[in-house]
Structures are given as structure tokens and as C-alpha cells.
N, C-alpha and C. Protein backbone atom coordinates (compact mmCIF):
# COMPACT_ATOMS: atom_id res chain seq x y z
N UNK A 1 -58.86 1.73 23.81
CA UNK A 1 -58.35 0.47 23.31
C UNK A 1 -59.24 -0.65 23.87
N UNK A 2 -59.65 -1.55 23.01
CA UNK A 2 -60.50 -2.66 23.45
C UNK A 2 -59.64 -3.79 24.01
N UNK A 3 -60.28 -4.74 24.64
CA UNK A 3 -59.57 -5.90 25.21
C UNK A 3 -58.84 -6.67 24.12
N UNK A 4 -59.50 -6.87 22.96
CA UNK A 4 -58.85 -7.64 21.89
C UNK A 4 -57.63 -6.89 21.34
N UNK A 5 -57.72 -5.57 21.23
CA UNK A 5 -56.56 -4.80 20.77
C UNK A 5 -55.42 -4.90 21.78
N UNK A 6 -55.76 -4.84 23.07
CA UNK A 6 -54.74 -4.96 24.11
C UNK A 6 -54.06 -6.33 24.06
N UNK A 7 -54.83 -7.38 23.85
CA UNK A 7 -54.28 -8.73 23.78
C UNK A 7 -53.32 -8.85 22.60
N UNK A 8 -53.71 -8.32 21.45
CA UNK A 8 -52.84 -8.38 20.27
C UNK A 8 -51.57 -7.60 20.53
N UNK A 9 -51.69 -6.41 21.07
CA UNK A 9 -50.51 -5.61 21.35
C UNK A 9 -49.60 -6.30 22.36
N UNK A 10 -50.19 -6.93 23.37
CA UNK A 10 -49.39 -7.62 24.38
C UNK A 10 -48.62 -8.79 23.77
N UNK A 11 -49.27 -9.54 22.89
CA UNK A 11 -48.61 -10.67 22.23
C UNK A 11 -47.48 -10.16 21.33
N UNK A 12 -47.76 -9.12 20.56
CA UNK A 12 -46.74 -8.57 19.67
C UNK A 12 -45.56 -8.03 20.49
N UNK A 13 -45.82 -7.35 21.55
CA UNK A 13 -44.75 -6.79 22.38
C UNK A 13 -43.87 -7.89 22.96
N UNK A 14 -44.46 -9.03 23.30
CA UNK A 14 -43.67 -10.14 23.82
C UNK A 14 -42.74 -10.73 22.77
N UNK A 15 -43.08 -10.55 21.50
CA UNK A 15 -42.27 -11.10 20.41
C UNK A 15 -41.13 -10.17 19.99
N UNK A 16 -41.21 -8.90 20.37
CA UNK A 16 -40.20 -7.93 19.94
C UNK A 16 -38.92 -8.07 20.75
N UNK A 17 -37.81 -7.86 20.06
CA UNK A 17 -36.52 -7.85 20.73
C UNK A 17 -35.80 -6.58 20.30
N UNK A 18 -35.07 -6.01 21.22
CA UNK A 18 -34.30 -4.82 20.94
C UNK A 18 -33.18 -5.18 19.96
N UNK A 19 -33.01 -4.36 18.95
CA UNK A 19 -31.97 -4.62 17.95
C UNK A 19 -31.28 -3.31 17.59
N UNK A 20 -30.11 -3.43 17.00
CA UNK A 20 -29.33 -2.27 16.63
C UNK A 20 -28.82 -2.44 15.20
N UNK A 21 -28.61 -1.33 14.55
CA UNK A 21 -27.96 -1.35 13.24
C UNK A 21 -26.46 -1.25 13.48
N UNK A 22 -25.71 -1.98 12.69
CA UNK A 22 -24.26 -1.89 12.80
C UNK A 22 -23.64 -2.16 11.43
N UNK A 23 -22.40 -1.81 11.31
CA UNK A 23 -21.71 -2.06 10.05
C UNK A 23 -21.33 -3.54 9.97
N UNK A 24 -21.11 -3.98 8.74
CA UNK A 24 -20.66 -5.36 8.54
C UNK A 24 -19.32 -5.58 9.22
N UNK A 25 -18.44 -4.59 9.12
CA UNK A 25 -17.12 -4.74 9.73
C UNK A 25 -17.21 -4.93 11.25
N UNK A 26 -18.09 -4.16 11.88
CA UNK A 26 -18.23 -4.26 13.33
C UNK A 26 -18.84 -5.60 13.74
N UNK A 27 -19.60 -6.22 12.85
CA UNK A 27 -20.26 -7.49 13.17
C UNK A 27 -19.33 -8.70 13.02
N UNK A 28 -18.15 -8.51 12.48
CA UNK A 28 -17.23 -9.63 12.27
C UNK A 28 -16.98 -10.34 13.59
N UNK A 29 -17.03 -11.66 13.54
CA UNK A 29 -16.81 -12.47 14.73
C UNK A 29 -18.09 -12.74 15.51
N UNK A 30 -19.20 -12.15 15.09
CA UNK A 30 -20.48 -12.35 15.77
C UNK A 30 -21.45 -13.08 14.86
N UNK A 31 -22.50 -13.66 15.46
CA UNK A 31 -23.57 -14.29 14.70
C UNK A 31 -24.90 -13.76 15.19
N UNK A 32 -25.87 -13.71 14.29
CA UNK A 32 -27.21 -13.24 14.61
C UNK A 32 -28.23 -14.17 13.99
N UNK A 33 -29.37 -14.28 14.60
CA UNK A 33 -30.42 -15.15 14.08
C UNK A 33 -30.83 -14.70 12.67
N UNK A 34 -31.05 -13.41 12.50
CA UNK A 34 -31.46 -12.85 11.21
C UNK A 34 -30.58 -11.65 10.91
N UNK A 35 -30.16 -11.52 9.66
CA UNK A 35 -29.41 -10.36 9.19
C UNK A 35 -30.20 -9.70 8.08
N UNK A 36 -30.41 -8.40 8.20
CA UNK A 36 -31.04 -7.62 7.14
C UNK A 36 -29.94 -6.76 6.53
N UNK A 37 -29.68 -6.96 5.25
CA UNK A 37 -28.59 -6.28 4.56
C UNK A 37 -29.16 -5.29 3.55
N UNK A 38 -29.09 -3.99 3.84
CA UNK A 38 -29.57 -3.00 2.87
C UNK A 38 -28.50 -2.70 1.83
N UNK A 39 -28.85 -2.86 0.57
CA UNK A 39 -27.95 -2.51 -0.54
C UNK A 39 -28.61 -1.37 -1.29
N UNK A 40 -28.50 -0.19 -0.73
CA UNK A 40 -29.27 0.94 -1.25
C UNK A 40 -28.39 2.07 -1.76
N UNK A 41 -27.20 1.78 -2.13
CA UNK A 41 -26.31 2.80 -2.66
C UNK A 41 -25.17 3.07 -1.71
N UNK A 42 -24.17 3.69 -2.23
CA UNK A 42 -23.00 3.98 -1.42
C UNK A 42 -21.76 3.95 -2.29
N UNK A 43 -20.62 4.00 -1.67
CA UNK A 43 -19.35 4.00 -2.37
C UNK A 43 -19.13 2.64 -3.05
N UNK A 44 -18.96 2.62 -4.37
CA UNK A 44 -18.76 1.35 -5.08
C UNK A 44 -17.56 0.55 -4.59
N UNK A 45 -16.57 1.21 -4.01
CA UNK A 45 -15.40 0.50 -3.49
C UNK A 45 -15.82 -0.45 -2.36
N UNK A 46 -16.84 -0.07 -1.60
CA UNK A 46 -17.31 -0.90 -0.50
C UNK A 46 -18.17 -2.06 -0.96
N UNK A 47 -18.69 -1.98 -2.14
CA UNK A 47 -19.58 -3.03 -2.65
C UNK A 47 -18.74 -4.14 -3.27
N UNK A 48 -18.15 -4.99 -2.43
CA UNK A 48 -17.33 -6.07 -2.96
C UNK A 48 -17.76 -7.41 -2.39
N UNK A 49 -17.26 -8.46 -3.01
CA UNK A 49 -17.64 -9.83 -2.67
C UNK A 49 -17.29 -10.18 -1.22
N UNK A 50 -16.14 -9.74 -0.76
CA UNK A 50 -15.73 -10.06 0.61
C UNK A 50 -16.70 -9.48 1.64
N UNK A 51 -17.15 -8.26 1.42
CA UNK A 51 -18.09 -7.64 2.34
C UNK A 51 -19.43 -8.37 2.31
N UNK A 52 -19.88 -8.75 1.13
CA UNK A 52 -21.13 -9.51 1.01
C UNK A 52 -21.01 -10.85 1.75
N UNK A 53 -19.91 -11.54 1.56
CA UNK A 53 -19.69 -12.82 2.23
C UNK A 53 -19.73 -12.65 3.75
N UNK A 54 -19.04 -11.63 4.24
CA UNK A 54 -19.02 -11.38 5.67
C UNK A 54 -20.42 -11.11 6.21
N UNK A 55 -21.19 -10.30 5.49
CA UNK A 55 -22.55 -9.97 5.93
C UNK A 55 -23.44 -11.21 5.95
N UNK A 56 -23.39 -11.99 4.90
CA UNK A 56 -24.27 -13.16 4.78
C UNK A 56 -23.91 -14.22 5.82
N UNK A 57 -22.65 -14.40 6.09
CA UNK A 57 -22.24 -15.45 7.02
C UNK A 57 -22.41 -15.06 8.49
N UNK A 58 -22.90 -13.87 8.77
CA UNK A 58 -23.22 -13.49 10.15
C UNK A 58 -24.55 -14.10 10.57
N UNK A 59 -25.39 -14.51 9.62
CA UNK A 59 -26.74 -15.00 9.92
C UNK A 59 -26.73 -16.48 10.23
N UNK A 60 -27.43 -16.86 11.31
CA UNK A 60 -27.59 -18.27 11.66
C UNK A 60 -28.75 -18.89 10.90
N UNK A 61 -29.84 -18.15 10.71
CA UNK A 61 -31.04 -18.73 10.13
C UNK A 61 -31.53 -18.06 8.85
N UNK A 62 -31.40 -16.73 8.76
CA UNK A 62 -32.02 -16.05 7.62
C UNK A 62 -31.26 -14.77 7.28
N UNK A 63 -31.15 -14.51 5.97
CA UNK A 63 -30.61 -13.25 5.47
C UNK A 63 -31.69 -12.60 4.61
N UNK A 64 -31.94 -11.34 4.86
CA UNK A 64 -32.89 -10.57 4.05
C UNK A 64 -32.09 -9.46 3.38
N UNK A 65 -32.05 -9.48 2.06
CA UNK A 65 -31.33 -8.45 1.31
C UNK A 65 -32.36 -7.48 0.76
N UNK A 66 -32.20 -6.21 1.11
CA UNK A 66 -33.11 -5.16 0.66
C UNK A 66 -32.33 -4.28 -0.30
N UNK A 67 -32.79 -4.18 -1.53
CA UNK A 67 -32.09 -3.36 -2.52
C UNK A 67 -32.27 -3.93 -3.90
N UNK A 68 -31.42 -3.51 -4.78
CA UNK A 68 -31.56 -3.91 -6.19
C UNK A 68 -30.72 -5.13 -6.51
N UNK A 69 -31.19 -5.88 -7.50
CA UNK A 69 -30.40 -7.01 -8.00
C UNK A 69 -29.11 -6.52 -8.63
N UNK A 70 -29.15 -5.32 -9.19
CA UNK A 70 -27.96 -4.73 -9.80
C UNK A 70 -26.86 -4.53 -8.75
N UNK A 71 -27.23 -4.02 -7.58
CA UNK A 71 -26.25 -3.81 -6.51
C UNK A 71 -25.69 -5.15 -6.02
N UNK A 72 -26.55 -6.14 -5.89
CA UNK A 72 -26.10 -7.47 -5.46
C UNK A 72 -25.14 -8.06 -6.48
N UNK A 73 -25.47 -7.97 -7.76
CA UNK A 73 -24.60 -8.48 -8.82
C UNK A 73 -23.27 -7.75 -8.82
N UNK A 74 -23.31 -6.43 -8.58
CA UNK A 74 -22.08 -5.65 -8.54
C UNK A 74 -21.17 -6.15 -7.42
N UNK A 75 -21.75 -6.48 -6.28
CA UNK A 75 -20.94 -6.99 -5.17
C UNK A 75 -20.35 -8.36 -5.49
N UNK A 76 -21.15 -9.21 -6.09
CA UNK A 76 -20.67 -10.55 -6.44
C UNK A 76 -19.53 -10.47 -7.46
N UNK A 77 -19.67 -9.59 -8.43
CA UNK A 77 -18.67 -9.46 -9.50
C UNK A 77 -17.41 -8.73 -9.06
N UNK A 78 -17.49 -7.92 -8.00
CA UNK A 78 -16.36 -7.10 -7.57
C UNK A 78 -15.51 -7.89 -6.58
N UNK A 79 -14.39 -8.40 -7.03
CA UNK A 79 -13.51 -9.21 -6.20
C UNK A 79 -12.35 -8.41 -5.62
N UNK A 80 -12.39 -7.09 -5.76
CA UNK A 80 -11.32 -6.25 -5.21
C UNK A 80 -11.45 -6.16 -3.70
N UNK A 81 -10.32 -5.98 -3.05
CA UNK A 81 -10.31 -5.80 -1.60
C UNK A 81 -9.72 -4.44 -1.29
N UNK A 82 -9.79 -4.05 -0.04
CA UNK A 82 -9.22 -2.77 0.37
C UNK A 82 -7.72 -2.74 0.12
N UNK A 83 -7.08 -3.89 0.18
CA UNK A 83 -5.65 -3.96 -0.06
C UNK A 83 -5.32 -3.58 -1.50
N UNK A 84 -6.29 -3.79 -2.42
CA UNK A 84 -6.09 -3.45 -3.83
C UNK A 84 -6.23 -1.96 -4.08
N UNK A 85 -6.77 -1.22 -3.12
CA UNK A 85 -7.06 0.20 -3.31
C UNK A 85 -5.95 1.02 -2.66
N UNK A 86 -5.26 1.86 -3.45
CA UNK A 86 -4.18 2.66 -2.85
C UNK A 86 -4.74 3.69 -1.90
N UNK A 87 -4.00 3.94 -0.85
CA UNK A 87 -4.37 4.97 0.14
C UNK A 87 -3.48 6.17 -0.11
N UNK A 88 -4.09 7.30 -0.33
CA UNK A 88 -3.34 8.54 -0.60
C UNK A 88 -3.31 9.38 0.66
N UNK A 89 -2.14 9.86 0.97
CA UNK A 89 -1.98 10.75 2.13
C UNK A 89 -1.63 12.13 1.64
N UNK A 90 -2.23 13.13 2.26
CA UNK A 90 -1.86 14.49 1.88
C UNK A 90 -0.55 14.87 2.55
N UNK A 91 0.22 15.67 1.86
CA UNK A 91 1.54 16.07 2.42
C UNK A 91 1.51 17.49 2.89
């Protein structure tokens, strides 16, 4: 490794911060400088407006949405909540 490569790596390393992935539900009540929201598939019941709102409002400065416009539109259009979904128990 050359001196210039070491300098670049040292500068980049100083800029990195440890981060974790978490669910939107677990992030409730917290704020983060940047939120990256992956919309890459999953249970359509979870893709609702309330979840999108919660995810977006966790960010103080920037939200990055990774995924399709179709998934984003589906979340915006889906106004159902978990309370609207019946829970079935096995007997």
C-alpha cells in the first residue's frame, strides 16, 4: 500500500460510523441522521401508508428509498392498518 492509498483509507475510515439494520417498528421513538428504506418485496399486508410514514419520519436529514416506484405507490395507496386485519388463532 502506498502512502497516498493509506491517507485515503485513513480519511475514509474516519468518516465511517457503525450502523445496524432494524425494523421500522423497532425504530419507533428514535431519530437518525439518514434512513435507508429498502422496498424490495415482502408481505403486502406490511406495505402500508402508516409504516411508510413511520420510516420516513425517523430521518432528521435524509431518506433514501431503494426499490421500485410500484412498491412505493402500493404503500402510499394502502391505508389499511394491522387493526383492519383479522388475527386467526388455531384451536
